[in-house]
N, C-alpha and C. Protein backbone atom coordinates (compact mmCIF):
# COMPACT_ATOMS: atom_id res chain seq x y z
N UNK A 1 184.34 229.52 -219.96
CA UNK A 1 183.34 228.86 -219.20
C UNK A 1 182.15 228.49 -220.08
N UNK A 2 181.81 229.38 -220.92
CA UNK A 2 180.70 229.12 -221.83
C UNK A 2 181.05 227.95 -222.73
N UNK A 3 182.33 227.83 -223.05
CA UNK A 3 182.78 226.74 -223.90
C UNK A 3 182.58 225.39 -223.17
N UNK A 4 182.89 225.37 -221.86
CA UNK A 4 182.71 224.13 -221.09
C UNK A 4 181.24 223.78 -220.98
N UNK A 5 180.39 224.79 -220.89
CA UNK A 5 178.95 224.53 -220.80
C UNK A 5 178.47 223.93 -222.12
N UNK A 6 178.89 224.49 -223.24
CA UNK A 6 178.49 223.98 -224.56
C UNK A 6 179.00 222.55 -224.74
N UNK A 7 180.24 222.31 -224.31
CA UNK A 7 180.82 220.97 -224.42
C UNK A 7 180.02 219.98 -223.55
N UNK A 8 179.60 220.38 -222.38
CA UNK A 8 178.81 219.54 -221.48
C UNK A 8 177.44 219.23 -222.07
N UNK A 9 176.83 220.25 -222.67
CA UNK A 9 175.52 220.05 -223.29
C UNK A 9 175.66 219.09 -224.47
N UNK A 10 176.70 219.28 -225.27
CA UNK A 10 176.94 218.41 -226.42
C UNK A 10 177.17 216.97 -225.98
N UNK A 11 177.97 216.77 -224.93
CA UNK A 11 178.22 215.41 -224.43
C UNK A 11 176.93 214.78 -223.89
N UNK A 12 176.10 215.57 -223.25
CA UNK A 12 174.83 215.07 -222.72
C UNK A 12 173.91 214.65 -223.86
N UNK A 13 173.93 215.41 -224.96
CA UNK A 13 173.09 215.06 -226.12
C UNK A 13 173.58 213.77 -226.78
N UNK A 14 174.88 213.60 -226.90
CA UNK A 14 175.46 212.39 -227.48
C UNK A 14 175.10 211.19 -226.59
N UNK A 15 175.19 211.35 -225.30
CA UNK A 15 174.87 210.26 -224.39
C UNK A 15 173.38 209.89 -224.49
N UNK A 16 172.51 210.88 -224.63
CA UNK A 16 171.08 210.64 -224.75
C UNK A 16 170.77 209.91 -226.05
N UNK A 17 171.40 210.30 -227.14
CA UNK A 17 171.19 209.64 -228.43
C UNK A 17 171.70 208.21 -228.41
N UNK A 18 172.80 207.97 -227.74
CA UNK A 18 173.39 206.64 -227.67
C UNK A 18 172.49 205.69 -226.88
N UNK A 19 171.72 206.18 -225.91
CA UNK A 19 170.87 205.31 -225.11
C UNK A 19 169.51 205.07 -225.75
N UNK A 20 169.11 205.79 -226.80
CA UNK A 20 167.84 205.59 -227.51
C UNK A 20 168.00 204.42 -228.46
N UNK A 21 167.09 203.43 -228.43
CA UNK A 21 167.23 202.29 -229.35
C UNK A 21 167.09 202.76 -230.79
N UNK A 22 167.90 202.17 -231.65
CA UNK A 22 167.89 202.59 -233.04
C UNK A 22 166.75 201.93 -233.80
N UNK A 23 166.19 200.78 -233.31
CA UNK A 23 165.07 200.10 -233.96
C UNK A 23 164.14 199.57 -232.88
N UNK A 24 162.85 199.41 -233.22
CA UNK A 24 161.89 198.87 -232.29
C UNK A 24 162.08 197.36 -232.26
N UNK A 25 162.19 196.80 -231.07
CA UNK A 25 162.41 195.37 -230.92
C UNK A 25 161.13 194.60 -231.31
N UNK A 26 161.25 193.51 -232.11
CA UNK A 26 160.11 192.68 -232.50
C UNK A 26 159.57 191.93 -231.28
N UNK A 27 158.26 191.71 -231.27
CA UNK A 27 157.60 190.98 -230.19
C UNK A 27 157.22 189.59 -230.71
N UNK A 28 157.11 188.61 -229.82
CA UNK A 28 156.71 187.27 -230.24
C UNK A 28 155.87 186.62 -229.15
N UNK A 29 155.14 185.56 -229.55
CA UNK A 29 154.34 184.75 -228.63
C UNK A 29 154.35 183.33 -229.14
N UNK A 30 154.00 182.40 -228.29
CA UNK A 30 153.99 180.98 -228.67
C UNK A 30 152.64 180.37 -228.36
N UNK A 31 152.26 179.34 -229.12
CA UNK A 31 151.09 178.52 -228.83
C UNK A 31 151.54 177.06 -228.80
N UNK A 32 150.69 176.19 -228.29
CA UNK A 32 150.99 174.77 -228.23
C UNK A 32 150.08 174.03 -229.19
N UNK A 33 150.60 173.10 -229.95
CA UNK A 33 149.80 172.23 -230.80
C UNK A 33 149.50 170.95 -230.02
N UNK A 34 148.21 170.55 -229.99
CA UNK A 34 147.79 169.38 -229.23
C UNK A 34 146.90 168.50 -230.09
N UNK A 35 147.06 167.21 -230.01
CA UNK A 35 146.17 166.26 -230.68
C UNK A 35 145.87 165.13 -229.71
N UNK A 36 144.60 164.77 -229.61
CA UNK A 36 144.18 163.64 -228.79
C UNK A 36 143.76 162.54 -229.75
N UNK A 37 144.40 161.41 -229.69
CA UNK A 37 144.08 160.30 -230.57
C UNK A 37 142.95 159.49 -229.94
N UNK A 38 141.84 159.35 -230.69
CA UNK A 38 140.68 158.63 -230.19
C UNK A 38 140.95 157.13 -230.17
N UNK A 39 140.32 156.47 -229.23
CA UNK A 39 140.41 155.02 -229.17
C UNK A 39 139.57 154.40 -230.28
N UNK A 40 139.68 153.11 -230.43
CA UNK A 40 138.92 152.39 -231.44
C UNK A 40 137.42 152.56 -231.18
N UNK A 41 136.66 152.62 -232.25
CA UNK A 41 135.21 152.69 -232.16
C UNK A 41 134.68 151.27 -231.94
N UNK A 42 133.86 151.10 -230.91
CA UNK A 42 133.28 149.79 -230.64
C UNK A 42 131.76 149.88 -230.66
N UNK A 43 131.12 148.80 -231.08
CA UNK A 43 129.66 148.70 -231.11
C UNK A 43 129.29 147.47 -230.28
N UNK A 44 128.37 147.66 -229.35
CA UNK A 44 127.95 146.59 -228.45
C UNK A 44 126.44 146.38 -228.56
N UNK A 45 126.02 145.12 -228.62
CA UNK A 45 124.60 144.77 -228.55
C UNK A 45 124.22 144.80 -227.08
N UNK A 46 123.38 145.75 -226.70
CA UNK A 46 122.92 145.83 -225.32
C UNK A 46 121.66 145.00 -225.12
N UNK A 47 120.76 145.04 -226.14
CA UNK A 47 119.48 144.33 -226.00
C UNK A 47 118.92 144.03 -227.40
N UNK A 48 118.34 142.83 -227.57
CA UNK A 48 117.72 142.45 -228.84
C UNK A 48 116.32 143.04 -228.95
N UNK A 49 115.86 143.28 -230.17
CA UNK A 49 114.49 143.71 -230.43
C UNK A 49 113.58 142.49 -230.30
N UNK A 50 112.58 142.59 -229.44
CA UNK A 50 111.70 141.45 -229.16
C UNK A 50 110.24 141.87 -229.34
N UNK A 51 109.60 141.32 -230.39
CA UNK A 51 108.18 141.62 -230.64
C UNK A 51 107.27 140.81 -229.73
N UNK A 52 107.79 139.78 -229.07
CA UNK A 52 106.97 138.95 -228.20
C UNK A 52 106.05 138.06 -229.01
N UNK A 53 104.98 137.61 -228.39
CA UNK A 53 104.00 136.76 -229.06
C UNK A 53 103.08 137.64 -229.89
N UNK A 54 102.96 137.28 -231.16
CA UNK A 54 102.17 138.07 -232.10
C UNK A 54 101.02 137.20 -232.61
N UNK A 55 99.83 137.75 -232.65
CA UNK A 55 98.62 137.02 -233.02
C UNK A 55 98.30 137.28 -234.51
N UNK A 56 97.98 136.22 -235.28
CA UNK A 56 97.59 136.42 -236.67
C UNK A 56 96.45 137.44 -236.80
N UNK A 57 96.52 138.22 -237.84
CA UNK A 57 95.62 139.33 -238.21
C UNK A 57 95.83 140.59 -237.36
N UNK A 58 96.82 140.59 -236.49
CA UNK A 58 97.12 141.77 -235.68
C UNK A 58 98.52 142.30 -236.02
N UNK A 59 98.74 143.55 -235.68
CA UNK A 59 100.05 144.18 -235.85
C UNK A 59 100.63 144.43 -234.46
N UNK A 60 101.87 144.05 -234.27
CA UNK A 60 102.56 144.33 -233.00
C UNK A 60 103.58 145.42 -233.28
N UNK A 61 103.53 146.48 -232.49
CA UNK A 61 104.48 147.59 -232.62
C UNK A 61 105.28 147.71 -231.33
N UNK A 62 106.58 147.81 -231.49
CA UNK A 62 107.48 148.06 -230.37
C UNK A 62 108.11 149.43 -230.64
N UNK A 63 107.92 150.36 -229.72
CA UNK A 63 108.51 151.70 -229.86
C UNK A 63 109.97 151.66 -229.41
N UNK A 64 110.79 152.59 -229.93
CA UNK A 64 112.19 152.64 -229.48
C UNK A 64 112.32 152.88 -227.97
N UNK A 65 111.29 153.45 -227.36
CA UNK A 65 111.33 153.71 -225.92
C UNK A 65 110.83 152.53 -225.08
N UNK A 66 110.33 151.48 -225.74
CA UNK A 66 109.82 150.31 -225.02
C UNK A 66 110.97 149.47 -224.45
N UNK A 67 110.73 148.78 -223.36
CA UNK A 67 111.79 147.95 -222.76
C UNK A 67 112.19 146.75 -223.62
N UNK A 68 111.42 146.42 -224.67
CA UNK A 68 111.78 145.31 -225.55
C UNK A 68 112.35 145.80 -226.89
N UNK A 69 112.64 147.10 -226.97
CA UNK A 69 113.27 147.62 -228.20
C UNK A 69 114.71 147.14 -228.27
N UNK A 70 115.26 147.16 -229.47
CA UNK A 70 116.67 146.82 -229.64
C UNK A 70 117.53 147.99 -229.19
N UNK A 71 118.72 147.69 -228.69
CA UNK A 71 119.60 148.76 -228.17
C UNK A 71 121.05 148.41 -228.49
N UNK A 72 121.71 149.31 -229.21
CA UNK A 72 123.15 149.23 -229.48
C UNK A 72 123.83 150.38 -228.75
N UNK A 73 125.06 150.17 -228.29
CA UNK A 73 125.86 151.25 -227.70
C UNK A 73 127.18 151.35 -228.45
N UNK A 74 127.53 152.58 -228.84
CA UNK A 74 128.82 152.84 -229.47
C UNK A 74 129.69 153.57 -228.47
N UNK A 75 130.97 153.22 -228.42
CA UNK A 75 131.95 153.89 -227.59
C UNK A 75 133.13 154.27 -228.46
N UNK A 76 133.63 155.49 -228.27
CA UNK A 76 134.77 155.94 -229.05
C UNK A 76 135.24 157.31 -228.60
N UNK A 77 135.80 158.05 -229.53
CA UNK A 77 136.37 159.36 -229.23
C UNK A 77 135.31 160.39 -228.87
N UNK A 78 135.58 161.15 -227.84
CA UNK A 78 134.67 162.19 -227.38
C UNK A 78 134.36 163.16 -228.52
N UNK A 79 133.06 163.34 -228.79
CA UNK A 79 132.54 164.28 -229.79
C UNK A 79 132.96 163.94 -231.23
N UNK A 80 133.44 162.73 -231.46
CA UNK A 80 133.85 162.32 -232.80
C UNK A 80 132.61 162.06 -233.67
N UNK A 81 132.71 162.41 -234.94
CA UNK A 81 131.61 162.16 -235.87
C UNK A 81 131.67 160.71 -236.36
N UNK A 82 130.50 160.06 -236.39
CA UNK A 82 130.41 158.68 -236.84
C UNK A 82 129.32 158.55 -237.89
N UNK A 83 129.51 157.57 -238.75
CA UNK A 83 128.49 157.24 -239.76
C UNK A 83 127.98 155.85 -239.46
N UNK A 84 126.65 155.71 -239.43
CA UNK A 84 126.01 154.44 -239.11
C UNK A 84 125.17 153.97 -240.27
N UNK A 85 125.17 152.67 -240.49
CA UNK A 85 124.28 152.07 -241.48
C UNK A 85 123.98 150.65 -241.03
N UNK A 86 122.91 150.11 -241.53
CA UNK A 86 122.52 148.74 -241.20
C UNK A 86 122.78 147.88 -242.42
N UNK A 87 123.76 146.98 -242.32
CA UNK A 87 124.04 146.09 -243.44
C UNK A 87 123.03 144.95 -243.47
N UNK A 88 122.33 144.76 -242.37
CA UNK A 88 121.26 143.77 -242.31
C UNK A 88 120.12 144.36 -241.48
N UNK A 89 118.99 144.57 -242.14
CA UNK A 89 117.78 145.09 -241.50
C UNK A 89 116.61 144.35 -242.15
N UNK A 90 116.37 143.11 -241.71
CA UNK A 90 115.48 142.21 -242.45
C UNK A 90 114.00 142.62 -242.42
N UNK A 91 113.43 142.68 -243.60
CA UNK A 91 111.98 142.89 -243.73
C UNK A 91 111.23 141.58 -243.63
N UNK A 92 111.97 140.47 -243.67
CA UNK A 92 111.40 139.13 -243.55
C UNK A 92 112.15 138.38 -242.45
N UNK A 93 111.39 137.77 -241.55
CA UNK A 93 111.98 136.94 -240.50
C UNK A 93 111.78 135.48 -240.89
N UNK A 94 112.77 134.65 -240.58
CA UNK A 94 112.72 133.23 -240.92
C UNK A 94 112.31 132.39 -239.72
N UNK A 95 111.45 131.41 -239.98
CA UNK A 95 110.98 130.53 -238.94
C UNK A 95 112.01 129.45 -238.62
N UNK A 96 111.87 128.86 -237.45
CA UNK A 96 112.71 127.73 -237.07
C UNK A 96 112.44 126.58 -238.04
N UNK A 97 111.19 126.41 -238.43
CA UNK A 97 110.82 125.39 -239.40
C UNK A 97 111.22 125.87 -240.79
N UNK A 98 112.05 125.12 -241.50
CA UNK A 98 112.49 125.54 -242.83
C UNK A 98 111.31 125.88 -243.75
N UNK A 99 111.44 126.99 -244.44
CA UNK A 99 110.39 127.43 -245.37
C UNK A 99 109.39 128.40 -244.77
N UNK A 100 109.29 128.49 -243.45
CA UNK A 100 108.38 129.44 -242.82
C UNK A 100 109.02 130.83 -242.79
N UNK A 101 108.30 131.80 -243.29
CA UNK A 101 108.78 133.19 -243.25
C UNK A 101 107.66 134.11 -242.80
N UNK A 102 108.05 135.21 -242.20
CA UNK A 102 107.12 136.24 -241.76
C UNK A 102 107.59 137.55 -242.39
N UNK A 103 106.80 138.08 -243.30
CA UNK A 103 107.21 139.28 -244.04
C UNK A 103 106.55 140.53 -243.46
N UNK A 104 106.97 141.66 -243.96
CA UNK A 104 106.34 142.93 -243.58
C UNK A 104 106.86 143.55 -242.30
N UNK A 105 108.10 143.30 -241.94
CA UNK A 105 108.69 143.90 -240.73
C UNK A 105 109.24 145.27 -241.10
N UNK A 106 108.90 146.30 -240.33
CA UNK A 106 109.43 147.65 -240.54
C UNK A 106 110.10 148.12 -239.26
N UNK A 107 110.94 149.17 -239.39
CA UNK A 107 111.75 149.61 -238.25
C UNK A 107 111.68 151.12 -238.07
N UNK A 108 111.78 151.53 -236.79
CA UNK A 108 111.92 152.94 -236.42
C UNK A 108 113.11 153.04 -235.48
N UNK A 109 113.68 154.24 -235.35
CA UNK A 109 114.85 154.38 -234.49
C UNK A 109 114.95 155.72 -233.81
N UNK A 110 115.65 155.71 -232.69
CA UNK A 110 116.04 156.94 -232.00
C UNK A 110 117.49 156.81 -231.58
N UNK A 111 118.12 157.95 -231.27
CA UNK A 111 119.50 157.93 -230.79
C UNK A 111 119.71 159.06 -229.80
N UNK A 112 120.65 158.83 -228.88
CA UNK A 112 121.04 159.85 -227.91
C UNK A 112 122.43 159.53 -227.38
N UNK A 113 123.00 160.45 -226.65
CA UNK A 113 124.36 160.26 -226.13
C UNK A 113 124.40 160.02 -224.62
N UNK A 114 123.22 159.83 -224.02
CA UNK A 114 123.18 159.72 -222.55
C UNK A 114 122.47 158.47 -222.04
N UNK A 115 122.17 157.51 -222.90
CA UNK A 115 121.45 156.30 -222.51
C UNK A 115 120.13 156.65 -221.84
N UNK A 116 119.33 157.46 -222.54
CA UNK A 116 118.07 157.94 -221.99
C UNK A 116 116.91 156.99 -222.25
N UNK A 117 117.17 155.69 -222.30
CA UNK A 117 116.10 154.71 -222.41
C UNK A 117 115.29 154.80 -223.68
N UNK A 118 115.87 155.18 -224.78
CA UNK A 118 115.17 155.24 -226.05
C UNK A 118 114.67 156.62 -226.42
N UNK A 119 114.63 157.53 -225.45
CA UNK A 119 114.25 158.91 -225.78
C UNK A 119 115.40 159.54 -226.54
N UNK A 120 115.07 160.40 -227.48
CA UNK A 120 116.12 161.06 -228.24
C UNK A 120 115.62 161.49 -229.60
N UNK A 121 116.54 161.73 -230.49
CA UNK A 121 116.20 162.16 -231.84
C UNK A 121 115.80 160.95 -232.68
N UNK A 122 114.78 161.14 -233.52
CA UNK A 122 114.31 160.07 -234.40
C UNK A 122 115.19 159.98 -235.64
N UNK A 123 115.29 158.78 -236.19
CA UNK A 123 115.93 158.60 -237.49
C UNK A 123 115.31 157.37 -238.16
N UNK A 124 115.49 157.29 -239.47
CA UNK A 124 114.98 156.16 -240.25
C UNK A 124 116.12 155.16 -240.41
N UNK A 125 116.05 154.01 -239.76
CA UNK A 125 117.15 153.06 -239.79
C UNK A 125 117.61 152.68 -241.21
N UNK A 126 116.69 152.53 -242.14
CA UNK A 126 117.08 152.13 -243.50
C UNK A 126 117.89 153.22 -244.20
N UNK A 127 117.82 154.45 -243.71
CA UNK A 127 118.57 155.56 -244.31
C UNK A 127 119.91 155.81 -243.68
N UNK A 128 120.22 155.12 -242.58
CA UNK A 128 121.48 155.35 -241.89
C UNK A 128 121.48 156.67 -241.14
N UNK A 129 122.65 157.05 -240.62
CA UNK A 129 122.74 158.23 -239.78
C UNK A 129 124.19 158.68 -239.68
N UNK A 130 124.41 159.98 -239.74
CA UNK A 130 125.71 160.56 -239.42
C UNK A 130 125.49 161.53 -238.27
N UNK A 131 126.21 161.32 -237.18
CA UNK A 131 126.05 162.14 -235.98
C UNK A 131 127.34 162.09 -235.18
N UNK A 132 127.33 162.66 -233.99
CA UNK A 132 128.53 162.69 -233.15
C UNK A 132 128.34 161.87 -231.89
N UNK A 133 129.42 161.28 -231.42
CA UNK A 133 129.43 160.63 -230.12
C UNK A 133 129.33 161.71 -229.06
N UNK A 134 128.97 161.35 -227.86
CA UNK A 134 128.78 162.31 -226.79
C UNK A 134 130.02 163.11 -226.44
N UNK A 135 129.80 164.35 -226.04
CA UNK A 135 130.90 165.24 -225.67
C UNK A 135 131.45 164.92 -224.29
N UNK A 136 130.70 164.19 -223.48
CA UNK A 136 131.18 163.86 -222.13
C UNK A 136 131.85 162.48 -222.09
N UNK A 137 131.17 161.46 -222.62
CA UNK A 137 131.67 160.09 -222.48
C UNK A 137 132.08 159.44 -223.80
N UNK A 138 131.82 160.09 -224.93
CA UNK A 138 132.15 159.47 -226.21
C UNK A 138 131.25 158.28 -226.52
N UNK A 139 129.98 158.36 -226.10
CA UNK A 139 129.04 157.27 -226.33
C UNK A 139 127.90 157.73 -227.24
N UNK A 140 127.28 156.74 -227.88
CA UNK A 140 126.06 156.96 -228.65
C UNK A 140 125.19 155.74 -228.46
N UNK A 141 123.91 155.96 -228.18
CA UNK A 141 122.96 154.87 -227.96
C UNK A 141 121.94 154.88 -229.10
N UNK A 142 121.78 153.72 -229.72
CA UNK A 142 120.85 153.54 -230.84
C UNK A 142 119.76 152.59 -230.37
N UNK A 143 118.50 153.01 -230.50
CA UNK A 143 117.36 152.20 -230.11
C UNK A 143 116.53 151.89 -231.34
N UNK A 144 116.17 150.62 -231.52
CA UNK A 144 115.33 150.20 -232.64
C UNK A 144 114.01 149.66 -232.16
N UNK A 145 112.96 150.20 -232.74
CA UNK A 145 111.63 149.66 -232.57
C UNK A 145 111.18 149.18 -233.93
N UNK A 146 109.95 148.74 -234.01
CA UNK A 146 109.44 148.30 -235.30
C UNK A 146 108.04 147.78 -235.19
N UNK A 147 107.54 147.34 -236.33
CA UNK A 147 106.21 146.76 -236.39
C UNK A 147 106.26 145.49 -237.22
N UNK A 148 105.43 144.55 -236.84
CA UNK A 148 105.27 143.33 -237.61
C UNK A 148 103.76 143.05 -237.70
N UNK A 149 103.29 142.85 -238.92
CA UNK A 149 101.88 142.52 -239.16
C UNK A 149 101.80 141.05 -239.54
N UNK A 150 101.01 140.32 -238.80
CA UNK A 150 100.91 138.87 -239.03
C UNK A 150 99.63 138.59 -239.82
N UNK A 151 99.79 138.02 -241.01
CA UNK A 151 98.59 137.73 -241.81
C UNK A 151 97.81 136.53 -241.25
N UNK A 152 96.55 136.45 -241.62
CA UNK A 152 95.73 135.29 -241.25
C UNK A 152 96.37 134.05 -241.85
N UNK A 153 96.36 132.98 -241.11
CA UNK A 153 96.90 131.72 -241.61
C UNK A 153 98.41 131.59 -241.47
N UNK A 154 99.06 132.54 -240.84
CA UNK A 154 100.51 132.45 -240.64
C UNK A 154 100.83 131.24 -239.77
N UNK A 155 101.81 130.47 -240.19
CA UNK A 155 102.20 129.27 -239.44
C UNK A 155 102.73 129.65 -238.06
N UNK A 156 102.34 128.89 -237.07
CA UNK A 156 102.85 129.09 -235.72
C UNK A 156 104.31 128.64 -235.70
N UNK A 157 105.20 129.53 -235.27
CA UNK A 157 106.63 129.24 -235.30
C UNK A 157 107.34 130.37 -234.55
N UNK A 158 108.60 130.22 -234.31
CA UNK A 158 109.43 131.30 -233.79
C UNK A 158 110.23 131.84 -234.97
N UNK A 159 110.08 133.14 -235.24
CA UNK A 159 110.70 133.77 -236.40
C UNK A 159 111.80 134.73 -235.95
N UNK A 160 112.92 134.67 -236.60
CA UNK A 160 114.04 135.56 -236.24
C UNK A 160 114.71 136.11 -237.49
N UNK A 161 115.43 137.18 -237.27
CA UNK A 161 116.26 137.79 -238.30
C UNK A 161 117.39 138.54 -237.63
N UNK A 162 118.49 138.66 -238.32
CA UNK A 162 119.66 139.33 -237.75
C UNK A 162 119.72 140.78 -238.21
N UNK A 163 119.83 141.69 -237.25
CA UNK A 163 120.00 143.12 -237.52
C UNK A 163 121.46 143.44 -237.25
N UNK A 164 122.15 143.98 -238.24
CA UNK A 164 123.58 144.28 -238.09
C UNK A 164 123.81 145.76 -238.29
N UNK A 165 124.35 146.41 -237.27
CA UNK A 165 124.69 147.83 -237.32
C UNK A 165 126.18 147.96 -237.63
N UNK A 166 126.51 148.73 -238.66
CA UNK A 166 127.88 149.05 -239.01
C UNK A 166 128.16 150.50 -238.66
N UNK A 167 129.30 150.77 -238.05
CA UNK A 167 129.64 152.13 -237.64
C UNK A 167 131.11 152.40 -237.95
N UNK A 168 131.39 153.64 -238.35
CA UNK A 168 132.78 154.03 -238.61
C UNK A 168 132.94 155.52 -238.33
N UNK A 169 134.17 155.89 -237.97
CA UNK A 169 134.50 157.31 -237.83
C UNK A 169 134.48 157.96 -239.21
N UNK A 170 134.07 159.22 -239.29
CA UNK A 170 134.12 159.94 -240.57
C UNK A 170 135.42 160.73 -240.70
N UNK A 171 136.11 160.93 -239.60
CA UNK A 171 137.32 161.75 -239.62
C UNK A 171 137.06 163.21 -239.29
N UNK A 172 135.81 163.56 -239.10
CA UNK A 172 135.46 164.95 -238.75
C UNK A 172 135.24 165.09 -237.26
């Protein structure tokens, strides 16, 4: 009888050892890779910079927050970094009458991502700007103000110059 008990205990031990895993099973997890491809970057002229009628010997200043400031809008990838520069930012405006010029034009700028009417961060237009498009709409608004000083004896004329904003994605 004792022999049967020992045999039973031995069989129970063999069965217990057989049911114990011989190695710990490896664990794993998965993640998903996602990429959102941004649309083309576009630049739109919303409003021209207009100094209005300027009187000789006076300086006319238009602030970026003024309703006659220049306004560009950029649309592109949400939160994408962009680099801006002005390939044309004329310090001299040309008159309709050939040979008439108005010199001494300077510029100031602000930018924001919410079309806040010119309110925003300041920047120096001649130095360009690297910033991000908005995190909500993928927009950036650039406002240009400036000053023009008209010397005594300046010919009466309509003076214009072309301001050209260049923008590109940086890839960041």
